């Protein structure tokens, strides 16, 4: 993680010193850019991929999430600048009928792994901002409790690959 310093100068307002609005705005922007650096340090993501489908169909994001920490991780969802909407879902089969349900949160116990894969948990990535190409890398931010987040680069695979 890179370190950055922000120095605020002040303007005199009466007898009090107050931060200038421009510098305060710059500080807020700088701090929001740092939010991705507040990643869940115990979360390890591997095998992050998006299965590309024809036309403007929703895409599925798959990955493996390992909790290497000593406390449970709670995954709340995801977002991506490449898509207008991103949701966590789980596919299930009941009596020969496949259903998909929205998932609000997932707990990963210490030392455990959670696999987002076809027929199970997945990210539903909807309304791509621009057409994606096989081999392209797409940023996805995983969001955890406590305001923690982790940016992961997902590689775009063709529909025939898992």
N, C-alpha and C. Protein backbone atom coordinates (compact mmCIF):
# COMPACT_ATOMS: atom_id res chain seq x y z
N UNK A 1 0.86 -1.16 0.00
CA UNK A 1 0.00 0.00 0.00
C UNK A 1 0.91 1.23 0.00
N UNK A 2 0.60 2.21 -0.81
CA UNK A 2 1.39 3.42 -0.84
C UNK A 2 0.88 4.38 0.22
N UNK A 3 1.82 5.18 0.69
CA UNK A 3 1.47 6.16 1.72
C UNK A 3 1.32 7.51 1.04
N UNK A 4 0.35 8.25 1.44
CA UNK A 4 0.22 9.59 0.89
C UNK A 4 0.00 10.57 2.03
N UNK A 5 0.55 11.74 1.85
CA UNK A 5 0.39 12.79 2.85
C UNK A 5 -0.45 13.89 2.25
N UNK A 6 -1.28 14.47 3.06
CA UNK A 6 -2.12 15.57 2.62
C UNK A 6 -1.92 16.71 3.60
N UNK A 7 -1.47 17.86 3.09
CA UNK A 7 -1.26 19.01 3.94
C UNK A 7 -2.34 20.04 3.63
N UNK A 8 -3.04 20.46 4.67
CA UNK A 8 -4.08 21.47 4.50
C UNK A 8 -3.54 22.83 4.93
N UNK A 9 -3.70 23.80 4.07
CA UNK A 9 -3.39 25.16 4.49
C UNK A 9 -4.70 25.80 4.93
N UNK A 10 -4.61 26.86 5.65
CA UNK A 10 -5.82 27.47 6.18
C UNK A 10 -5.88 28.94 5.80
N UNK A 11 -7.08 29.48 5.84
CA UNK A 11 -7.30 30.91 5.62
C UNK A 11 -7.81 31.48 6.93
N UNK A 12 -7.46 32.69 7.18
CA UNK A 12 -7.94 33.34 8.39
C UNK A 12 -9.40 33.76 8.20
N UNK A 13 -10.22 33.45 9.16
CA UNK A 13 -11.63 33.86 9.15
C UNK A 13 -11.89 34.48 10.51
N UNK A 14 -11.82 35.79 10.57
CA UNK A 14 -11.93 36.45 11.87
C UNK A 14 -10.67 36.09 12.66
N UNK A 15 -10.85 35.63 13.88
CA UNK A 15 -9.72 35.21 14.69
C UNK A 15 -9.48 33.71 14.60
N UNK A 16 -10.29 33.01 13.84
CA UNK A 16 -10.16 31.55 13.75
C UNK A 16 -9.54 31.16 12.42
N UNK A 17 -8.83 30.06 12.43
CA UNK A 17 -8.29 29.51 11.19
C UNK A 17 -9.23 28.40 10.73
N UNK A 18 -9.64 28.46 9.48
CA UNK A 18 -10.57 27.46 8.95
C UNK A 18 -10.01 26.87 7.66
N UNK A 19 -10.17 25.59 7.45
CA UNK A 19 -9.69 24.99 6.19
C UNK A 19 -10.46 25.56 5.01
N UNK A 20 -9.75 25.80 3.93
CA UNK A 20 -10.44 26.30 2.74
C UNK A 20 -11.32 25.20 2.17
N UNK A 21 -12.42 25.59 1.54
CA UNK A 21 -13.38 24.63 1.00
C UNK A 21 -12.73 23.75 -0.06
N UNK A 22 -11.91 24.33 -0.90
CA UNK A 22 -11.24 23.56 -1.95
C UNK A 22 -10.33 22.49 -1.38
N UNK A 23 -9.59 22.84 -0.35
CA UNK A 23 -8.69 21.86 0.26
C UNK A 23 -9.46 20.80 1.02
N UNK A 24 -10.55 21.20 1.63
CA UNK A 24 -11.38 20.23 2.33
C UNK A 24 -11.97 19.24 1.33
N UNK A 25 -12.40 19.74 0.19
CA UNK A 25 -12.92 18.86 -0.86
C UNK A 25 -11.83 17.92 -1.34
N UNK A 26 -10.62 18.44 -1.53
CA UNK A 26 -9.50 17.60 -1.96
C UNK A 26 -9.21 16.51 -0.94
N UNK A 27 -9.31 16.86 0.33
CA UNK A 27 -9.08 15.87 1.40
C UNK A 27 -10.13 14.77 1.35
N UNK A 28 -11.37 15.15 1.14
CA UNK A 28 -12.46 14.15 1.07
C UNK A 28 -12.24 13.22 -0.12
N UNK A 29 -11.87 13.78 -1.27
CA UNK A 29 -11.62 12.96 -2.46
C UNK A 29 -10.44 12.02 -2.21
N UNK A 30 -9.38 12.54 -1.60
CA UNK A 30 -8.21 11.70 -1.32
C UNK A 30 -8.56 10.57 -0.37
N UNK A 31 -9.36 10.87 0.64
CA UNK A 31 -9.74 9.83 1.59
C UNK A 31 -10.65 8.80 0.96
N UNK A 32 -11.55 9.22 0.04
CA UNK A 32 -12.41 8.23 -0.59
C UNK A 32 -11.61 7.34 -1.52
N UNK A 33 -10.57 7.87 -2.13
CA UNK A 33 -9.72 7.04 -2.98
C UNK A 33 -8.99 5.99 -2.15
N UNK A 34 -8.75 6.30 -0.90
CA UNK A 34 -8.08 5.35 -0.01
C UNK A 34 -9.00 4.24 0.46
N UNK A 35 -10.29 4.36 0.26
CA UNK A 35 -11.22 3.36 0.79
C UNK A 35 -10.94 1.97 0.23
N UNK A 36 -10.48 1.89 -1.01
CA UNK A 36 -10.15 0.58 -1.56
C UNK A 36 -8.94 -0.01 -0.87
N UNK A 37 -8.10 0.82 -0.30
CA UNK A 37 -6.94 0.31 0.41
C UNK A 37 -7.33 -0.28 1.75
N UNK A 38 -8.54 -0.04 2.22
CA UNK A 38 -9.00 -0.59 3.49
C UNK A 38 -9.58 -1.98 3.26
N UNK A 39 -8.83 -2.80 2.54
CA UNK A 39 -9.32 -4.13 2.18
C UNK A 39 -9.24 -5.08 3.35
N UNK A 40 -10.12 -6.05 3.30
CA UNK A 40 -10.10 -7.10 4.31
C UNK A 40 -8.80 -7.88 4.14
N UNK A 41 -7.82 -7.71 5.05
CA UNK A 41 -6.50 -8.31 4.85
C UNK A 41 -6.52 -9.83 4.89
N UNK A 42 -7.51 -10.42 5.54
CA UNK A 42 -7.56 -11.87 5.62
C UNK A 42 -8.27 -12.50 4.44
N UNK A 43 -8.82 -11.71 3.53
CA UNK A 43 -9.54 -12.24 2.37
C UNK A 43 -8.57 -12.46 1.21
N UNK A 44 -8.54 -13.69 0.71
CA UNK A 44 -7.71 -14.02 -0.44
C UNK A 44 -8.65 -14.49 -1.56
N UNK A 45 -8.55 -13.84 -2.72
CA UNK A 45 -9.40 -14.20 -3.86
C UNK A 45 -8.52 -14.78 -4.96
N UNK A 46 -8.95 -15.92 -5.49
CA UNK A 46 -8.26 -16.55 -6.61
C UNK A 46 -9.29 -16.93 -7.67
N UNK A 47 -8.77 -17.22 -8.87
CA UNK A 47 -9.59 -17.76 -9.95
C UNK A 47 -10.79 -16.86 -10.29
N UNK A 48 -10.60 -15.54 -10.26
CA UNK A 48 -11.68 -14.59 -10.54
C UNK A 48 -11.90 -14.48 -12.04
N UNK A 49 -13.13 -14.77 -12.46
CA UNK A 49 -13.42 -14.79 -13.88
C UNK A 49 -14.88 -14.42 -14.15
N UNK A 50 -15.11 -13.93 -15.35
CA UNK A 50 -16.46 -13.59 -15.82
C UNK A 50 -16.72 -14.42 -17.07
N UNK A 51 -17.87 -15.07 -17.10
CA UNK A 51 -18.23 -15.86 -18.28
C UNK A 51 -18.99 -14.96 -19.24
N UNK A 52 -18.41 -14.73 -20.42
CA UNK A 52 -18.99 -13.85 -21.43
C UNK A 52 -20.10 -14.57 -22.18
N UNK A 53 -21.24 -13.92 -22.28
CA UNK A 53 -22.38 -14.45 -23.02
C UNK A 53 -22.70 -13.52 -24.18
N UNK A 54 -23.41 -14.03 -25.20
CA UNK A 54 -23.74 -13.17 -26.34
C UNK A 54 -24.76 -12.09 -25.97
N UNK A 55 -24.83 -11.11 -26.79
CA UNK A 55 -25.79 -10.00 -26.68
C UNK A 55 -25.62 -9.27 -25.34
N UNK A 56 -26.68 -8.68 -24.83
CA UNK A 56 -26.60 -7.93 -23.56
C UNK A 56 -27.24 -8.73 -22.43
N UNK A 57 -26.93 -10.01 -22.36
CA UNK A 57 -27.45 -10.84 -21.28
C UNK A 57 -26.64 -10.57 -20.01
N UNK A 58 -27.23 -10.76 -18.84
CA UNK A 58 -26.45 -10.64 -17.60
C UNK A 58 -25.31 -11.66 -17.61
N UNK A 59 -24.19 -11.26 -17.07
CA UNK A 59 -23.02 -12.12 -17.01
C UNK A 59 -22.84 -12.65 -15.59
N UNK A 60 -22.13 -13.75 -15.46
CA UNK A 60 -21.87 -14.33 -14.15
C UNK A 60 -20.40 -14.18 -13.80
N UNK A 61 -20.14 -13.77 -12.56
CA UNK A 61 -18.79 -13.66 -12.04
C UNK A 61 -18.53 -14.77 -11.04
N UNK A 62 -17.42 -15.48 -11.23
CA UNK A 62 -17.07 -16.59 -10.35
C UNK A 62 -15.69 -16.34 -9.75
N UNK A 63 -15.46 -16.87 -8.55
CA UNK A 63 -14.17 -16.73 -7.89
C UNK A 63 -14.14 -17.63 -6.67
N UNK A 64 -12.96 -17.78 -6.10
CA UNK A 64 -12.78 -18.51 -4.85
C UNK A 64 -12.34 -17.51 -3.79
N UNK A 65 -13.00 -17.53 -2.65
CA UNK A 65 -12.70 -16.59 -1.56
C UNK A 65 -12.28 -17.39 -0.33
N UNK A 66 -11.06 -17.14 0.13
CA UNK A 66 -10.50 -17.85 1.28
C UNK A 66 -10.35 -16.87 2.44
N UNK A 67 -10.74 -17.28 3.63
CA UNK A 67 -10.57 -16.47 4.83
C UNK A 67 -9.35 -16.98 5.58
N UNK A 68 -8.26 -16.24 5.52
CA UNK A 68 -7.03 -16.63 6.20
C UNK A 68 -6.89 -15.97 7.57
N UNK A 69 -7.93 -15.27 8.00
CA UNK A 69 -7.88 -14.57 9.28
C UNK A 69 -8.37 -15.44 10.42
N UNK A 70 -8.43 -14.84 11.60
CA UNK A 70 -8.90 -15.58 12.78
C UNK A 70 -10.32 -15.17 13.18
N UNK A 71 -10.97 -14.36 12.34
CA UNK A 71 -12.36 -13.97 12.56
C UNK A 71 -13.16 -14.21 11.29
N UNK A 72 -14.45 -14.41 11.46
CA UNK A 72 -15.31 -14.64 10.29
C UNK A 72 -15.32 -13.40 9.39
N UNK A 73 -15.41 -13.64 8.10
CA UNK A 73 -15.58 -12.57 7.11
C UNK A 73 -17.05 -12.58 6.69
N UNK A 74 -17.63 -11.40 6.57
CA UNK A 74 -19.01 -11.30 6.09
C UNK A 74 -18.98 -10.52 4.78
N UNK A 75 -19.27 -11.21 3.69
CA UNK A 75 -19.32 -10.60 2.37
C UNK A 75 -20.73 -10.05 2.15
N UNK A 76 -20.82 -8.74 1.88
CA UNK A 76 -22.12 -8.07 1.72
C UNK A 76 -22.54 -7.88 0.27
N UNK A 77 -21.59 -7.95 -0.63
CA UNK A 77 -21.94 -7.72 -2.02
C UNK A 77 -20.73 -7.29 -2.82
N UNK A 78 -21.00 -6.73 -4.00
CA UNK A 78 -19.93 -6.31 -4.89
C UNK A 78 -20.43 -5.17 -5.77
N UNK A 79 -19.48 -4.48 -6.38
CA UNK A 79 -19.81 -3.45 -7.36
C UNK A 79 -18.69 -3.44 -8.40
N UNK A 80 -18.98 -2.85 -9.54
CA UNK A 80 -17.97 -2.75 -10.59
C UNK A 80 -18.28 -1.54 -11.46
N UNK A 81 -17.25 -0.77 -11.80
CA UNK A 81 -17.48 0.36 -12.70
C UNK A 81 -17.81 -0.10 -14.13
N UNK A 82 -17.65 -1.39 -14.41
CA UNK A 82 -17.92 -1.92 -15.75
C UNK A 82 -19.38 -2.31 -15.95
N UNK A 83 -20.17 -2.31 -14.84
CA UNK A 83 -21.57 -2.74 -14.92
C UNK A 83 -22.46 -1.76 -14.16
N UNK A 84 -23.70 -1.61 -14.64
CA UNK A 84 -24.65 -0.74 -13.95
C UNK A 84 -25.19 -1.38 -12.68
N UNK A 85 -25.28 -2.71 -12.65
CA UNK A 85 -25.81 -3.40 -11.47
C UNK A 85 -25.01 -4.68 -11.21
N UNK A 86 -24.78 -4.95 -9.93
CA UNK A 86 -24.08 -6.16 -9.52
C UNK A 86 -24.78 -6.72 -8.30
N UNK A 87 -25.15 -8.01 -8.35
CA UNK A 87 -25.83 -8.66 -7.23
C UNK A 87 -25.18 -10.00 -6.93
N UNK A 88 -25.29 -10.44 -5.68
CA UNK A 88 -24.88 -11.79 -5.31
C UNK A 88 -26.11 -12.69 -5.41
N UNK A 89 -25.94 -13.85 -6.05
CA UNK A 89 -27.03 -14.81 -6.21
C UNK A 89 -26.55 -16.21 -5.88
N UNK A 90 -27.51 -17.08 -5.69
CA UNK A 90 -27.23 -18.50 -5.54
C UNK A 90 -28.21 -19.27 -6.40
N UNK A 91 -27.68 -20.15 -7.23
CA UNK A 91 -28.53 -21.04 -8.03
C UNK A 91 -28.74 -22.31 -7.23
N UNK A 92 -29.99 -22.80 -7.25
CA UNK A 92 -30.31 -24.04 -6.54
C UNK A 92 -31.27 -24.85 -7.40
N UNK A 93 -31.25 -26.15 -7.19
CA UNK A 93 -32.16 -27.02 -7.92
C UNK A 93 -33.06 -27.73 -6.94
N UNK A 94 -34.37 -27.65 -7.19
CA UNK A 94 -35.38 -28.31 -6.36
C UNK A 94 -36.31 -29.10 -7.27
N UNK A 95 -36.31 -30.40 -7.12
CA UNK A 95 -37.22 -31.23 -7.89
C UNK A 95 -37.10 -31.06 -9.39
N UNK A 96 -35.88 -30.91 -9.88
CA UNK A 96 -35.66 -30.76 -11.31
C UNK A 96 -35.83 -29.35 -11.83
N UNK A 97 -36.21 -28.42 -10.96
CA UNK A 97 -36.38 -27.03 -11.36
C UNK A 97 -35.25 -26.19 -10.77
N UNK A 98 -34.59 -25.45 -11.62
CA UNK A 98 -33.49 -24.59 -11.18
C UNK A 98 -34.04 -23.21 -10.81
N UNK A 99 -33.63 -22.71 -9.67
CA UNK A 99 -34.05 -21.37 -9.24
C UNK A 99 -32.82 -20.56 -8.86
N UNK A 100 -32.99 -19.27 -8.88
CA UNK A 100 -31.91 -18.37 -8.48
C UNK A 100 -32.47 -17.41 -7.44
N UNK A 101 -31.76 -17.28 -6.32
CA UNK A 101 -32.21 -16.39 -5.25
C UNK A 101 -31.12 -15.36 -4.96
N UNK A 102 -31.56 -14.19 -4.58
CA UNK A 102 -30.64 -13.12 -4.19
C UNK A 102 -30.07 -13.43 -2.82
N UNK A 103 -28.80 -13.10 -2.62
CA UNK A 103 -28.12 -13.35 -1.36
C UNK A 103 -27.68 -12.00 -0.78
N UNK A 104 -28.06 -11.72 0.44
CA UNK A 104 -27.74 -10.44 1.09
C UNK A 104 -26.36 -10.43 1.72
N UNK A 105 -25.94 -11.57 2.29
CA UNK A 105 -24.65 -11.64 2.98
C UNK A 105 -24.22 -13.08 3.08
N UNK A 106 -22.90 -13.28 3.08
CA UNK A 106 -22.34 -14.62 3.21
C UNK A 106 -21.24 -14.59 4.26
N UNK A 107 -21.27 -15.55 5.16
CA UNK A 107 -20.24 -15.64 6.20
C UNK A 107 -19.22 -16.70 5.81
N UNK A 108 -17.94 -16.33 5.90
CA UNK A 108 -16.86 -17.26 5.64
C UNK A 108 -16.08 -17.40 6.94
N UNK A 109 -16.14 -18.56 7.55
CA UNK A 109 -15.50 -18.80 8.84
C UNK A 109 -13.98 -18.80 8.68
N UNK A 110 -13.23 -18.55 9.77
CA UNK A 110 -11.77 -18.56 9.70
C UNK A 110 -11.26 -19.89 9.12
N UNK A 111 -10.34 -19.79 8.18
CA UNK A 111 -9.75 -20.97 7.55
C UNK A 111 -10.62 -21.60 6.48
N UNK A 112 -11.82 -21.11 6.28
CA UNK A 112 -12.75 -21.70 5.31
C UNK A 112 -12.65 -20.98 3.96
N UNK A 113 -13.19 -21.63 2.95
CA UNK A 113 -13.24 -21.05 1.60
C UNK A 113 -14.67 -21.11 1.09
N UNK A 114 -15.00 -20.17 0.25
CA UNK A 114 -16.31 -20.13 -0.39
C UNK A 114 -16.06 -20.05 -1.89
N UNK A 115 -16.71 -20.93 -2.64
CA UNK A 115 -16.50 -21.00 -4.08
C UNK A 115 -17.72 -20.44 -4.81
N UNK A 116 -17.50 -19.43 -5.61
CA UNK A 116 -18.53 -18.89 -6.49
C UNK A 116 -18.33 -19.61 -7.82
N UNK A 117 -19.27 -20.48 -8.18
CA UNK A 117 -19.09 -21.32 -9.36
C UNK A 117 -20.45 -21.60 -10.01
N UNK A 118 -20.44 -22.05 -11.28
CA UNK A 118 -21.69 -22.36 -11.96
C UNK A 118 -22.53 -23.35 -11.14
N UNK A 119 -23.83 -23.07 -11.05
CA UNK A 119 -24.72 -23.93 -10.30
C UNK A 119 -24.76 -23.63 -8.81
N UNK A 120 -24.05 -22.60 -8.38
CA UNK A 120 -24.00 -22.24 -6.96
C UNK A 120 -24.01 -20.73 -6.79
N UNK A 121 -23.16 -20.25 -5.89
CA UNK A 121 -23.05 -18.81 -5.68
C UNK A 121 -22.39 -18.18 -6.90
N UNK A 122 -22.81 -16.97 -7.23
CA UNK A 122 -22.20 -16.22 -8.32
C UNK A 122 -22.55 -14.74 -8.19
N UNK A 123 -21.77 -13.92 -8.85
CA UNK A 123 -22.12 -12.50 -8.98
C UNK A 123 -22.90 -12.35 -10.27
N UNK A 124 -24.03 -11.70 -10.20
CA UNK A 124 -24.82 -11.41 -11.40
C UNK A 124 -24.43 -10.00 -11.82
N UNK A 125 -23.78 -9.89 -12.97
CA UNK A 125 -23.26 -8.62 -13.49
C UNK A 125 -24.16 -8.18 -14.64
N UNK A 126 -24.87 -7.08 -14.42
CA UNK A 126 -25.90 -6.68 -15.39
C UNK A 126 -25.61 -5.33 -16.04
N UNK A 127 -25.96 -5.24 -17.30
CA UNK A 127 -25.88 -4.00 -18.08
C UNK A 127 -24.45 -3.46 -18.13
N UNK A 128 -23.61 -4.16 -18.89
CA UNK A 128 -22.22 -3.72 -19.07
C UNK A 128 -22.19 -2.31 -19.65
N UNK A 129 -21.29 -1.51 -19.15
CA UNK A 129 -21.14 -0.13 -19.63
C UNK A 129 -20.69 -0.13 -21.09
N UNK A 130 -19.81 -1.05 -21.43
CA UNK A 130 -19.35 -1.21 -22.82
C UNK A 130 -19.19 -2.70 -23.09
N UNK A 131 -19.20 -3.11 -24.35
CA UNK A 131 -19.04 -4.54 -24.65
C UNK A 131 -17.68 -5.04 -24.14
N UNK A 132 -17.70 -6.23 -23.55
CA UNK A 132 -16.47 -6.83 -23.04
C UNK A 132 -15.89 -7.78 -24.06
N UNK A 133 -14.57 -8.02 -23.96
CA UNK A 133 -13.88 -8.92 -24.88
C UNK A 133 -13.18 -10.01 -24.08
N UNK A 134 -13.09 -11.19 -24.66
CA UNK A 134 -12.37 -12.29 -24.04
C UNK A 134 -10.94 -11.85 -23.76
N UNK A 135 -10.46 -12.13 -22.55
CA UNK A 135 -9.11 -11.77 -22.14
C UNK A 135 -9.02 -10.44 -21.41
N UNK A 136 -10.05 -9.63 -21.53
CA UNK A 136 -10.09 -8.33 -20.85
C UNK A 136 -10.14 -8.54 -19.33
N UNK A 137 -9.57 -7.59 -18.59
CA UNK A 137 -9.63 -7.64 -17.13
C UNK A 137 -10.58 -6.55 -16.64
N UNK A 138 -11.46 -6.93 -15.72
CA UNK A 138 -12.52 -6.05 -15.24
C UNK A 138 -12.41 -5.91 -13.72
N UNK A 139 -12.36 -4.67 -13.19
CA UNK A 139 -12.30 -4.51 -11.74
C UNK A 139 -13.67 -4.76 -11.09
N UNK A 140 -13.64 -5.51 -10.01
CA UNK A 140 -14.83 -5.76 -9.19
C UNK A 140 -14.42 -5.52 -7.75
N UNK A 141 -15.23 -4.77 -7.02
CA UNK A 141 -14.94 -4.49 -5.61
C UNK A 141 -15.85 -5.34 -4.75
N UNK A 142 -15.26 -6.21 -3.93
CA UNK A 142 -16.02 -7.01 -2.98
C UNK A 142 -16.17 -6.19 -1.71
N UNK A 143 -17.38 -6.17 -1.17
CA UNK A 143 -17.67 -5.34 0.01
C UNK A 143 -17.96 -6.22 1.22
N UNK A 144 -17.27 -5.91 2.31
CA UNK A 144 -17.38 -6.67 3.55
C UNK A 144 -17.93 -5.78 4.66
N UNK A 145 -18.32 -6.41 5.77
CA UNK A 145 -18.77 -5.63 6.93
C UNK A 145 -17.62 -4.77 7.43
N UNK A 146 -17.96 -3.77 8.21
CA UNK A 146 -16.95 -2.87 8.77
C UNK A 146 -16.41 -1.89 7.74
N UNK A 147 -17.08 -1.75 6.60
CA UNK A 147 -16.62 -0.81 5.59
C UNK A 147 -15.40 -1.29 4.81
N UNK A 148 -15.01 -2.53 4.99
CA UNK A 148 -13.85 -3.05 4.28
C UNK A 148 -14.23 -3.45 2.86
N UNK A 149 -13.29 -3.31 1.95
CA UNK A 149 -13.52 -3.69 0.57
C UNK A 149 -12.23 -4.23 -0.03
N UNK A 150 -12.38 -4.97 -1.10
CA UNK A 150 -11.23 -5.56 -1.77
C UNK A 150 -11.47 -5.50 -3.27
N UNK A 151 -10.57 -4.81 -3.98
CA UNK A 151 -10.71 -4.76 -5.44
C UNK A 151 -10.01 -5.97 -6.04
N UNK A 152 -10.71 -6.65 -6.94
CA UNK A 152 -10.20 -7.85 -7.58
C UNK A 152 -10.35 -7.67 -9.09
N UNK A 153 -9.34 -8.06 -9.84
CA UNK A 153 -9.42 -8.02 -11.29
C UNK A 153 -9.94 -9.37 -11.79
N UNK A 154 -11.09 -9.33 -12.48
CA UNK A 154 -11.70 -10.53 -13.05
C UNK A 154 -11.32 -10.61 -14.52
N UNK A 155 -10.93 -11.78 -14.99
CA UNK A 155 -10.62 -11.96 -16.41
C UNK A 155 -11.87 -12.46 -17.12
N UNK A 156 -12.11 -11.93 -18.32
CA UNK A 156 -13.28 -12.31 -19.11
C UNK A 156 -12.94 -13.56 -19.92
N UNK A 157 -13.75 -14.62 -19.73
CA UNK A 157 -13.59 -15.89 -20.45
C UNK A 157 -14.75 -16.08 -21.41
N UNK A 158 -14.53 -16.90 -22.44
CA UNK A 158 -15.63 -17.20 -23.37
C UNK A 158 -16.65 -18.10 -22.69
N UNK A 159 -17.85 -18.12 -23.22
CA UNK A 159 -18.96 -18.87 -22.61
C UNK A 159 -18.64 -20.35 -22.47
N UNK A 160 -17.83 -20.91 -23.34
CA UNK A 160 -17.51 -22.33 -23.29
C UNK A 160 -16.56 -22.72 -22.18
N UNK A 161 -15.90 -21.75 -21.58
CA UNK A 161 -14.96 -22.04 -20.49
C UNK A 161 -15.63 -21.79 -19.16
N UNK A 162 -15.30 -22.57 -18.19
CA UNK A 162 -15.91 -22.41 -16.86
C UNK A 162 -15.18 -21.36 -16.06
